[in-house]
Amino acid sequence: MKRIILHWTAGGYYPTAAEGEFYHFLVDAEGKVHKGRFKPEDNIVCKPKSYAAHTGGGNAGSIGVALCGMEGYKDRRICGKYPITLSQFEGAMKLAAFLAVKYGLTVDRTTIMTHYEFGFKHPSTSSYGKPDITFIPPYPWVGKNEAGDFIRSKIRWYKTKMKEV
């Protein structure tokens, strides 16, 4: 695996069967991790209907981690009925740290990114313009263009805690 791409589902707080088709892991409102239908290794070679299609133009070699929520998101003032919770966000960061260790990934802008960042770097893909993750409700002071760096700093911190255990 070459990277982890973080998303929100734009749905409710708990994963649906349909969402499980698109992401390898989904994190609910309490921070509980749910496995999607496909394993990360299914995205090494993306065969039709045999992989998690979470990032248009960027699925090959990518692990899709989604936070359940943000249905109705418009902007930081209108983030819908299911804003990302603190427990959920921190649970997703712990999961991403675990996956980074498991798959031997460094934590940098090329290996850990938001769906928004991937689309921004690849404007010719269907991921261009996706808003996830551009706003983190538990940390409202983090700006749109800072969200990825904030996420990577959290994941680095959780990685150091894993080594201490």
Protein backbone atom coordinates (compact mmCIF):
# COMPACT_ATOMS: atom_id res chain seq x y z
CA MET A 1 0.00 0.00 0.00
CA LYS A 2 1.28 3.45 -0.83
CA ARG A 3 -1.09 5.85 0.93
CA ILE A 4 -4.10 6.43 3.17
CA ILE A 5 -6.84 8.76 1.97
CA LEU A 6 -9.24 10.16 4.56
CA HIS A 7 -12.86 10.98 3.79
CA TRP A 8 -16.19 11.73 5.33
CA THR A 9 -19.18 9.77 4.06
CA ALA A 10 -21.56 12.74 3.70
CA GLY A 11 -24.09 10.51 5.47
CA GLY A 12 -25.23 9.75 9.00
CA TYR A 13 -23.22 8.76 12.07
CA TYR A 14 -23.21 5.01 11.39
CA PRO A 15 -22.03 3.15 8.31
CA THR A 16 -24.49 1.78 5.80
CA ALA A 17 -23.95 -1.33 3.67
CA ALA A 18 -23.55 0.94 0.62
CA GLU A 19 -20.82 2.97 2.32
CA GLY A 20 -19.05 -0.27 3.22
CA GLU A 21 -18.64 -0.92 -0.51
CA PHE A 22 -16.53 2.22 -0.96
CA TYR A 23 -14.24 2.38 2.07
CA HIS A 24 -11.93 -0.10 3.75
CA PHE A 25 -12.68 1.31 7.19
CA LEU A 26 -15.47 3.53 8.54
CA VAL A 27 -15.43 5.28 11.90
CA ASP A 28 -18.78 5.95 13.60
CA ALA A 29 -19.79 8.78 15.97
CA GLU A 30 -18.39 6.99 19.04
CA GLY A 31 -15.05 6.28 17.35
CA LYS A 32 -15.77 2.60 16.71
CA VAL A 33 -14.09 1.22 13.60
CA HIS A 34 -16.13 -0.81 11.10
CA LYS A 35 -14.56 -2.78 8.27
CA GLY A 36 -15.80 -2.24 4.76
CA ARG A 37 -16.42 -5.06 2.29
CA PHE A 38 -12.92 -4.98 0.79
CA LYS A 39 -9.49 -5.36 2.38
CA PRO A 40 -6.84 -2.74 1.65
CA GLU A 41 -4.92 -5.33 -0.38
CA ASP A 42 -7.86 -5.51 -2.80
CA ASN A 43 -6.81 -2.03 -3.95
CA ILE A 44 -3.30 -3.07 -4.99
CA VAL A 45 -4.72 -3.99 -8.39
CA CYS A 46 -8.17 -2.50 -8.87
CA LYS A 47 -10.26 -5.09 -10.71
CA PRO A 48 -13.88 -4.18 -11.52
CA LYS A 49 -16.26 -4.71 -8.57
CA SER A 50 -13.39 -6.16 -6.50
CA TYR A 51 -12.00 -3.11 -4.71
CA ALA A 52 -13.06 -0.14 -2.59
CA ALA A 53 -13.67 2.74 -5.02
CA HIS A 54 -13.24 5.63 -2.58
CA THR A 55 -11.12 8.10 -4.54
CA GLY A 56 -11.72 8.78 -8.22
CA GLY A 57 -8.35 8.51 -9.95
CA GLY A 58 -6.53 7.41 -6.81
CA ASN A 59 -7.76 4.02 -5.66
CA ALA A 60 -4.79 1.89 -6.71
CA GLY A 61 -2.58 1.29 -3.70
CA SER A 62 -4.76 3.49 -1.47
CA ILE A 63 -6.50 2.67 1.80
CA GLY A 64 -9.81 4.47 2.21
CA VAL A 65 -10.71 5.56 5.75
CA ALA A 66 -14.02 7.39 6.18
CA LEU A 67 -15.57 9.22 9.10
CA CYS A 68 -19.32 8.64 9.08
CA GLY A 69 -21.17 11.92 8.95
CA MET A 70 -21.35 15.40 7.47
CA GLU A 71 -24.62 14.84 5.58
CA GLY A 72 -25.79 18.26 4.45
CA TYR A 73 -22.37 19.90 4.68
CA LYS A 74 -22.26 23.25 2.87
CA ASP A 75 -19.44 25.09 4.64
CA ARG A 76 -18.00 25.56 8.12
CA ARG A 77 -21.18 27.42 9.20
CA ILE A 78 -23.54 24.75 7.83
CA CYS A 79 -21.98 21.34 8.47
CA GLY A 80 -25.21 19.35 8.47
CA LYS A 81 -27.03 17.18 11.00
CA TYR A 82 -24.09 14.84 11.61
CA PRO A 83 -20.92 16.84 12.25
CA ILE A 84 -17.80 14.81 12.95
CA THR A 85 -17.46 14.18 16.70
CA LEU A 86 -14.31 14.45 18.79
CA SER A 87 -14.35 10.71 19.63
CA GLN A 88 -14.83 9.88 15.97
CA PHE A 89 -12.04 12.14 14.76
CA GLU A 90 -9.57 10.89 17.35
CA GLY A 91 -10.58 7.26 16.64
CA ALA A 92 -9.90 7.80 12.94
CA MET A 93 -6.49 9.32 13.71
CA LYS A 94 -5.59 6.31 15.89
CA LEU A 95 -6.71 3.98 13.11
CA ALA A 96 -4.66 5.85 10.51
CA ALA A 97 -1.59 5.68 12.79
CA PHE A 98 -2.09 1.93 13.20
CA LEU A 99 -2.45 1.47 9.43
CA ALA A 100 0.63 3.60 8.75
CA VAL A 101 2.67 1.36 11.05
CA LYS A 102 1.14 -1.84 9.67
CA TYR A 103 1.88 -0.90 6.06
CA GLY A 104 5.21 0.83 6.71
CA LEU A 105 4.04 4.27 5.62
CA THR A 106 5.75 7.46 6.65
CA VAL A 107 3.38 10.26 7.58
CA ASP A 108 3.76 13.00 5.00
CA ARG A 109 1.78 14.75 2.27
CA THR A 110 2.37 11.95 -0.24
CA THR A 111 1.28 9.06 2.00
CA ILE A 112 -1.50 10.49 4.20
CA MET A 113 -3.98 12.89 2.67
CA THR A 114 -7.57 14.00 2.63
CA HIS A 115 -9.82 13.39 -0.36
CA TYR A 116 -9.78 17.16 -0.90
CA GLU A 117 -5.98 17.21 -1.04
CA PHE A 118 -5.86 14.32 -3.50
CA GLY A 119 -8.33 16.08 -5.80
CA PHE A 120 -6.47 19.37 -5.54
CA LYS A 121 -3.22 17.64 -6.59
CA HIS A 122 -5.00 15.73 -9.38
CA PRO A 123 -7.45 18.19 -10.99
CA SER A 124 -8.16 15.95 -13.98
CA THR A 125 -9.78 13.28 -11.73
CA SER A 126 -13.34 13.01 -10.44
CA SER A 127 -11.92 13.70 -6.97
CA TYR A 128 -11.27 17.34 -7.89
CA GLY A 129 -13.49 19.65 -5.84
CA LYS A 130 -14.50 17.08 -3.20
CA PRO A 131 -14.81 18.92 0.14
CA ASP A 132 -13.81 16.05 2.42
CA ILE A 133 -12.02 16.73 4.70
CA THR A 134 -11.87 20.55 4.62
CA PHE A 135 -13.51 21.22 7.99
CA ILE A 136 -13.04 19.41 11.29
CA PRO A 137 -15.96 20.34 13.60
CA PRO A 138 -14.21 19.40 16.89
CA TYR A 139 -11.34 21.71 15.85
CA PRO A 140 -13.15 24.62 14.13
CA TRP A 141 -10.06 26.85 14.12
CA VAL A 142 -8.30 24.54 11.64
CA GLY A 143 -8.69 26.09 8.19
CA LYS A 144 -9.55 24.38 4.92
CA ASN A 145 -5.96 24.36 3.66
CA GLU A 146 -4.55 23.37 7.07
CA ALA A 147 -6.77 20.33 7.68
CA GLY A 148 -4.41 17.84 6.05
CA ASP A 149 -1.38 19.08 7.99
CA PHE A 150 -3.39 19.02 11.23
CA ILE A 151 -4.49 15.44 10.49
CA ARG A 152 -0.92 14.35 9.74
CA SER A 153 0.33 15.92 13.00
CA LYS A 154 -2.34 13.99 14.94
CA ILE A 155 -1.41 10.73 13.21
CA ARG A 156 2.30 11.30 13.94
CA TRP A 157 1.43 11.87 17.60
CA TYR A 158 -0.61 8.66 17.79
CA LYS A 159 2.24 6.76 16.13
CA THR A 160 4.61 7.89 18.91
CA LYS A 161 2.09 6.69 21.52
CA MET A 162 1.93 3.27 19.83
CA LYS A 163 5.68 2.90 20.17
CA GLU A 164 5.52 3.69 23.88
CA VAL A 165 3.09 0.87 24.63
